[in-house]
Protein backbone atom coordinates (compact mmCIF):
# COMPACT_ATOMS: atom_id res chain seq x y z
CA MET A 1 7.55 -1.19 -39.23
CA ILE A 2 9.27 1.45 -41.38
CA ILE A 3 7.22 1.95 -44.53
CA ALA A 4 9.58 4.27 -46.34
CA PHE A 5 12.92 5.70 -45.34
CA LEU A 6 15.28 8.18 -46.92
CA ALA A 7 18.52 9.32 -45.29
CA LEU A 8 18.13 12.22 -42.87
CA ALA A 9 21.60 13.38 -43.80
CA ALA A 10 20.18 15.36 -46.70
CA PRO A 11 23.43 16.82 -48.08
CA PHE A 12 24.71 13.29 -48.77
CA PHE A 13 21.51 12.13 -50.40
CA ALA A 14 21.26 12.19 -54.18
CA VAL A 15 17.80 13.41 -55.20
CA PRO A 16 16.56 11.71 -58.37
CA LYS A 17 14.86 13.86 -60.93
CA GLY A 18 11.31 13.24 -61.88
CA ARG A 19 8.93 10.87 -60.17
CA PRO A 20 10.39 9.14 -57.05
CA PRO A 21 10.07 5.33 -56.81
CA ASP A 22 7.12 3.65 -55.12
CA PRO A 23 7.86 2.58 -51.54
CA PRO A 24 7.08 -0.87 -50.14
CA THR A 25 3.54 -1.48 -48.88
CA HIS A 26 2.55 -2.51 -45.38
CA GLY A 27 1.13 -6.01 -45.82
CA GLY A 28 -2.32 -6.67 -44.44
CA SER A 29 -2.82 -3.25 -42.85
CA GLY A 30 -4.87 -1.62 -45.59
CA PHE A 31 -2.12 0.91 -46.32
CA GLU A 32 -1.18 1.20 -50.01
CA ARG A 33 1.70 3.59 -50.50
CA PRO A 34 1.52 5.64 -53.72
CA SER A 35 4.71 7.07 -55.13
CA ARG A 36 4.36 10.39 -53.30
CA VAL A 37 4.67 8.64 -49.92
CA ALA A 38 8.44 8.59 -50.31
CA LEU A 39 9.42 11.67 -48.39
CA ASP A 40 11.89 13.00 -50.90
CA LEU A 41 9.88 15.84 -52.38
CA PRO A 42 11.66 17.95 -55.02
CA TYR A 43 10.65 21.54 -54.64
CA GLU A 44 11.60 24.76 -56.38
CA GLY A 45 8.90 27.07 -55.04
CA LYS A 46 8.07 28.62 -51.70
CA ALA A 47 7.93 26.97 -48.26
CA ALA A 48 4.13 27.38 -48.17
CA ALA A 49 3.79 25.07 -51.14
CA LEU A 50 6.00 22.54 -49.37
CA ARG A 51 3.71 22.67 -46.31
CA ASP A 52 0.68 22.06 -48.53
CA GLU A 53 2.43 19.21 -50.32
CA MET A 54 3.40 17.56 -47.04
CA HIS A 55 -0.12 17.99 -45.67
CA ALA A 56 -1.59 16.45 -48.80
CA LEU A 57 0.93 13.61 -48.50
CA GLN A 58 -0.21 12.80 -44.97
CA GLN A 59 -3.87 12.88 -45.98
CA SER A 60 -3.31 10.40 -48.79
CA ASP A 61 -0.93 8.11 -46.88
CA GLY A 62 -3.09 5.02 -47.12
CA GLY A 63 -5.78 6.73 -45.09
CA GLU A 64 -7.14 10.02 -43.88
CA LEU A 65 -5.44 12.05 -41.17
CA THR A 66 -7.88 12.28 -38.26
CA ALA A 67 -9.35 15.70 -37.48
CA GLU A 68 -7.94 15.64 -33.96
CA HIS A 69 -4.37 15.55 -35.32
CA ARG A 70 -4.54 17.77 -38.41
CA ALA A 71 -3.76 21.01 -36.63
CA TYR A 72 -1.08 19.26 -34.55
CA VAL A 73 0.72 17.88 -37.63
CA ARG A 74 0.55 21.22 -39.46
CA GLU A 75 1.90 23.03 -36.40
CA LYS A 76 4.83 20.60 -36.12
CA LEU A 77 5.65 20.92 -39.82
CA GLU A 78 5.39 24.70 -39.89
CA ALA A 79 7.55 25.02 -36.77
CA HIS A 80 10.27 23.02 -38.51
CA LEU A 81 9.99 25.08 -41.67
CA ARG A 82 10.37 28.20 -39.55
CA ARG A 83 13.57 26.55 -38.27
CA GLU A 84 12.26 26.46 -34.71
CA THR A 85 13.11 22.75 -34.53
CA GLU A 86 16.06 20.86 -35.96
CA TYR A 87 13.87 17.98 -37.13
CA TYR A 88 10.26 17.51 -38.09
CA PHE A 89 8.77 14.93 -35.71
CA ALA A 90 5.08 14.04 -35.36
CA GLU A 91 2.95 11.14 -34.15
CA TYR A 92 -0.57 11.06 -35.51
CA ARG A 93 -3.46 8.75 -36.25
CA VAL A 94 -4.93 7.98 -39.68
CA ARG A 95 -8.11 6.24 -40.73
CA ALA A 96 -7.21 3.34 -43.02
CA LYS A 97 -9.20 2.25 -46.06
CA ASP A 98 -10.70 -0.67 -44.12
CA GLY A 99 -12.09 1.76 -41.52
CA SER A 100 -9.54 0.98 -38.81
CA TYR A 101 -7.26 3.53 -37.21
CA ARG A 102 -3.48 3.32 -37.07
CA TRP A 103 -0.70 5.39 -35.54
CA ILE A 104 2.05 6.79 -37.77
CA LEU A 105 5.37 8.34 -36.80
CA ASP A 106 6.86 10.97 -39.12
CA ARG A 107 10.51 11.88 -38.83
CA GLY A 108 12.13 14.19 -41.30
CA ARG A 109 14.29 17.20 -42.00
CA ALA A 110 14.08 19.97 -44.53
CA VAL A 111 16.97 20.56 -46.88
CA TRP A 112 17.81 24.21 -47.45
CA ASP A 113 19.67 25.80 -50.35
CA GLN A 114 22.38 28.43 -49.97
CA SER A 115 19.82 31.22 -50.01
CA GLY A 116 17.95 29.67 -47.07
CA ARG A 117 15.05 28.26 -49.08
CA ALA A 118 13.57 24.87 -48.24
CA ILE A 119 14.02 22.78 -51.37
CA ARG A 120 12.89 19.36 -50.13
CA LEU A 121 12.00 17.31 -47.05
CA VAL A 122 13.64 13.94 -46.43
CA GLY A 123 12.71 11.42 -43.74
CA SER A 124 10.52 8.42 -43.03
CA HIS A 125 7.05 7.19 -42.17
CA THR A 126 6.90 4.45 -39.52
CA ASP A 127 3.83 2.42 -38.61
CA ILE A 128 3.91 2.52 -34.79
CA ASP A 129 0.39 1.24 -34.21
CA ARG A 130 1.56 -1.91 -32.40
CA LEU A 131 3.93 0.15 -30.25
CA LYS A 132 1.13 2.59 -29.36
CA LYS A 133 -1.20 -0.25 -28.40
CA THR A 134 1.52 -1.78 -26.26
CA GLU A 135 2.12 1.59 -24.60
CA GLU A 136 -1.61 1.97 -23.96
CA GLN A 137 -1.80 -1.50 -22.40
CA LEU A 138 1.22 -0.67 -20.26
CA ARG A 139 -0.32 2.66 -19.23
CA LYS A 140 -3.59 0.98 -18.23
CA SER A 141 -1.67 -1.69 -16.33
CA GLU A 142 0.34 0.97 -14.49
CA GLU A 143 -2.83 2.93 -13.70
CA PHE A 144 -4.49 -0.24 -12.41
CA LEU A 145 -1.57 -1.10 -10.15
CA ALA A 146 -1.29 2.51 -8.95
CA ALA A 147 -5.01 2.55 -8.12
CA VAL A 148 -4.68 -0.71 -6.18
CA VAL A 149 -1.66 0.54 -4.23
CA GLN A 150 -3.03 4.01 -3.52
CA ASN A 151 -6.46 2.75 -2.43
CA SER A 152 -5.17 -0.10 -0.30
CA ASN A 153 -6.13 -0.04 3.38
CA GLU A 154 -2.63 -1.25 4.17
CA LEU A 155 0.12 1.31 4.56
CA ILE A 156 2.71 0.62 1.84
CA THR A 157 6.09 2.24 2.31
CA ILE A 158 9.34 1.98 0.35
CA VAL A 159 12.56 3.01 2.11
CA ASP A 160 16.22 2.84 1.21
CA SER A 161 18.84 0.93 3.19
CA ARG A 162 19.09 3.81 5.69
CA GLY A 163 15.37 3.88 6.33
CA VAL A 164 14.74 7.08 4.35
CA VAL A 165 11.24 7.11 2.85
CA LEU A 166 11.11 6.88 -0.94
CA PHE A 167 7.37 6.31 -1.24
CA HIS A 168 4.19 6.23 0.86
CA ASN A 169 0.77 5.31 -0.47
CA ASN A 170 -2.26 7.38 0.52
CA ALA A 171 -3.07 5.06 3.43
CA ILE A 172 -0.54 6.92 5.61
CA GLU A 173 -3.03 9.77 6.01
CA LYS A 174 -5.71 7.35 7.20
CA VAL A 175 -3.39 5.33 9.43
CA LEU A 176 -1.05 7.99 10.86
CA GLY A 177 -2.59 11.30 9.80
CA TYR A 178 0.32 12.54 7.63
CA LYS A 179 0.38 13.55 3.96
CA ALA A 180 2.40 11.10 1.86
CA GLU A 181 4.42 13.85 0.19
CA ASP A 182 5.35 15.33 3.57
CA ARG A 183 7.07 12.12 4.67
CA VAL A 184 9.11 11.41 1.52
CA GLY A 185 12.80 12.02 2.14
CA LYS A 186 12.48 11.63 5.91
CA SER A 187 13.47 8.71 8.11
CA VAL A 188 10.73 6.18 8.76
CA LEU A 189 12.12 5.82 12.29
CA GLU A 190 11.14 9.41 13.16
CA LEU A 191 7.58 8.33 13.89
CA VAL A 192 8.46 5.24 15.93
CA TYR A 193 7.56 5.41 19.64
CA PRO A 194 10.86 5.96 21.55
CA GLU A 195 10.58 2.77 23.62
CA ASP A 196 10.16 0.73 20.40
CA LEU A 197 13.13 2.23 18.54
CA PRO A 198 15.55 -0.61 19.45
CA ALA A 199 13.13 -3.19 18.04
CA ALA A 200 12.57 -1.12 14.88
CA LYS A 201 16.31 -0.68 14.27
CA ALA A 202 16.97 -4.37 14.88
CA THR A 203 14.28 -5.29 12.35
CA MET A 204 15.73 -2.91 9.74
CA ALA A 205 19.16 -4.47 10.22
CA ASP A 206 17.59 -7.92 9.96
CA ILE A 207 15.88 -7.08 6.64
CA LEU A 208 19.21 -6.05 5.09
CA VAL A 209 20.57 -9.60 5.51
CA LYS A 210 17.33 -11.58 5.09
CA PRO A 211 14.64 -11.63 2.42
CA ALA A 212 11.99 -10.45 4.90
CA SER A 213 11.32 -9.68 8.55
CA SER A 214 8.32 -8.55 10.62
CA VAL A 215 7.69 -6.62 13.81
CA THR A 216 4.79 -5.04 15.72
CA ILE A 217 5.70 -1.63 17.14
CA ARG A 218 4.10 1.65 18.16
CA PHE A 219 4.04 4.80 16.00
CA ARG A 220 3.11 8.36 16.85
CA HIS A 221 -0.01 9.63 15.06
CA ALA A 222 -0.15 13.23 13.85
CA ASP A 223 -2.75 13.96 16.55
CA GLY A 224 -0.35 12.77 19.26
CA SER A 225 -2.00 9.41 19.89
CA ILE A 226 -0.22 6.06 19.64
CA ARG A 227 -0.90 3.49 16.93
CA TYR A 228 0.25 -0.11 16.87
CA LEU A 229 1.41 -1.21 13.40
CA GLU A 230 2.17 -4.75 12.36
CA ALA A 231 4.86 -4.36 9.69
CA LEU A 232 6.33 -6.85 7.21
CA GLY A 233 9.42 -5.67 5.36
CA THR A 234 10.68 -7.27 2.13
CA ASN A 235 14.18 -6.59 0.84
CA LEU A 236 13.93 -5.57 -2.84
CA ILE A 237 17.03 -3.38 -2.91
CA GLU A 238 18.57 -5.49 -5.67
CA ASN A 239 15.38 -5.37 -7.75
CA PRO A 240 16.00 -2.71 -10.43
CA SER A 241 12.29 -1.83 -10.56
CA VAL A 242 12.14 -1.04 -6.82
CA ARG A 243 15.64 -0.62 -5.33
CA GLY A 244 14.33 -0.38 -1.81
CA ILE A 245 12.75 -2.14 1.14
CA VAL A 246 8.99 -2.54 0.73
CA ILE A 247 7.10 -2.39 4.03
CA HIS A 248 3.47 -3.49 4.31
CA SER A 249 1.94 -2.23 7.56
CA ARG A 250 -1.54 -2.63 8.99
CA ASP A 251 -3.07 -0.86 11.94
CA VAL A 252 -3.59 -3.37 14.76
CA THR A 253 -4.35 -0.76 17.43
CA ALA A 254 -7.92 -1.98 17.93
CA ALA A 255 -6.71 -5.57 18.35
CA LYS A 256 -3.97 -4.45 20.74
CA ASP A 257 -6.48 -2.40 22.76
CA ALA A 258 -8.81 -5.40 22.91
CA GLU A 259 -5.92 -7.61 24.05
CA ALA A 260 -4.98 -5.07 26.74
CA LYS A 261 -8.60 -4.83 27.92
CA LEU A 262 -8.90 -8.62 28.05
CA ARG A 263 -5.60 -8.82 29.92
CA ARG A 264 -6.82 -6.24 32.45
CA GLN A 265 -10.07 -8.13 32.91
CA SER A 266 -8.18 -11.38 33.40
CA GLU A 267 -5.94 -9.73 35.96
CA GLU A 268 -8.95 -8.26 37.75
CA LEU A 269 -10.69 -11.65 37.77
CA ALA A 270 -7.55 -13.33 39.09
CA LYS A 271 -7.27 -10.70 41.80
CA ALA A 272 -10.96 -11.05 42.72
CA LYS A 273 -10.58 -14.82 42.86
CA GLU A 274 -7.53 -14.52 45.07
CA GLN A 275 -9.41 -12.13 47.36
CA ALA A 276 -12.41 -14.48 47.51
CA GLU A 277 -10.19 -17.45 48.31
CA ALA A 278 -8.44 -15.41 51.02
CA ALA A 279 -11.81 -14.44 52.49
CA ALA A 280 -12.92 -18.07 52.44
CA ARG A 281 -9.75 -19.14 54.17
CA ALA A 282 -10.20 -16.42 56.79
CA LYS A 283 -13.80 -17.49 57.37
CA THR A 284 -12.78 -21.13 57.74
CA GLU A 285 -10.00 -20.22 60.11
CA PHE A 286 -12.34 -17.99 62.10
CA LEU A 287 -15.02 -20.64 62.36
CA ALA A 288 -12.48 -23.26 63.35
CA MET A 289 -11.14 -20.97 66.03
CA MET A 290 -14.59 -19.99 67.27
CA SER A 291 -15.68 -23.60 67.26
CA HIS A 292 -12.73 -24.51 69.40
CA GLU A 293 -13.23 -21.55 71.71
CA ILE A 294 -16.94 -22.29 72.19
CA ARG A 295 -16.62 -26.08 72.37
CA THR A 296 -14.15 -26.01 75.24
CA PRO A 297 -16.36 -24.15 77.81
CA MET A 298 -19.43 -25.95 76.53
CA ASN A 299 -17.81 -29.29 77.26
CA GLY A 300 -17.09 -27.91 80.73
CA VAL A 301 -20.73 -26.97 81.25
CA ILE A 302 -21.94 -30.38 80.10
CA GLY A 303 -19.35 -32.11 82.28
CA MET A 304 -20.44 -30.19 85.37
CA THR A 305 -24.08 -31.09 84.77
CA ASN A 306 -23.06 -34.71 84.78
CA LEU A 307 -21.34 -34.22 88.15
CA LEU A 308 -24.35 -32.40 89.60
CA GLN A 309 -26.62 -35.29 88.68
CA ASP A 310 -24.63 -37.50 91.06
CA THR A 311 -25.34 -35.22 94.00
CA ALA A 312 -28.39 -35.10 96.26
CA LEU A 313 -30.95 -33.08 94.32
CA ASP A 314 -34.68 -32.75 94.64
CA VAL A 315 -36.98 -33.45 91.75
CA ARG A 316 -37.22 -29.80 90.57
CA GLN A 317 -33.40 -29.37 90.66
CA ARG A 318 -32.91 -32.54 88.63
CA GLU A 319 -35.44 -31.29 86.11
CA TYR A 320 -33.58 -27.97 85.73
CA LEU A 321 -30.27 -29.80 85.43
CA SER A 322 -31.67 -32.03 82.70
CA VAL A 323 -32.76 -29.00 80.68
CA ILE A 324 -29.28 -27.46 81.02
CA ARG A 325 -27.62 -30.69 79.88
CA SER A 326 -29.88 -31.24 76.87
CA SER A 327 -29.52 -27.59 75.76
CA GLY A 328 -25.75 -27.79 76.07
CA GLU A 329 -25.56 -31.00 74.03
CA ALA A 330 -27.79 -29.48 71.35
CA LEU A 331 -25.57 -26.41 71.13
CA LEU A 332 -22.46 -28.61 70.96
CA ASP A 333 -23.99 -30.54 68.02
CA ILE A 334 -24.52 -27.23 66.16
CA ILE A 335 -20.91 -26.21 66.82
CA ASN A 336 -19.64 -29.56 65.54
CA ASP A 337 -21.70 -29.18 62.36
CA ILE A 338 -20.17 -25.76 61.68
């Protein structure tokens, strides 16, 4: 809120003689503006007196100028009176009568006579306390968001429509081993593994016509190793605050390595199973063949013992023949069981 204002175009401003009028007060803030707050200060003496008058004005402006800003305000005013600046401009804090602190903006310009003497200073006081508080809240909000982005474990990248990097958060050093500032202005596709370039380019083209698109591809780490990144790109080119494609990427190398290991183990198990089944089939075939090969002559032996029993044999011969027959039948039973 502007507390008092007098035209900066000093040559066109009529300076009243005597005591200038009281300016309006700032309701509810604790600032009461005495007549000298109006920054039209008639002066017939030296510039040093004008500096002292202005300094006294600021000290009595509804509150006391804080110690941290006294030297700053005096330096700004003296620089203007030395004609080093076209305008006097200063932001400072005062302690109000109620004990609170408020920010004030001074803007003014000295008026010089034909001999080069400063005869008065015209300008305005503006209460910018609300603006300063808003700026501080905005600054804290920006710092908070910057801290979240820069300390995120996810790699956050912003590229233009050609894939040129506009921004990397600090996670790129952890994920890919590069400094963020070293990658700005370079193509994001430079680090893509050659075999995955077609997929990366297709995804970039897809993002330009869709709100978002994702892909999992390989990137080259600074140490020469390969990293798998799962990337989700969001098209914010038309957003005036971003004007780019925002890519959130996370390192899925460990998961990919685990998948590859599990796949290899599954393949090895499948191969071992196939080999075991082949061995079992070979064993079965071998046993079947051997059973056939052994059964055939054994049947012949048993058959011949039957024929010998019908011939004239003495008691001992029949006894031997009986042993041969029973042994052959026992062996044949074993072969049948196999």
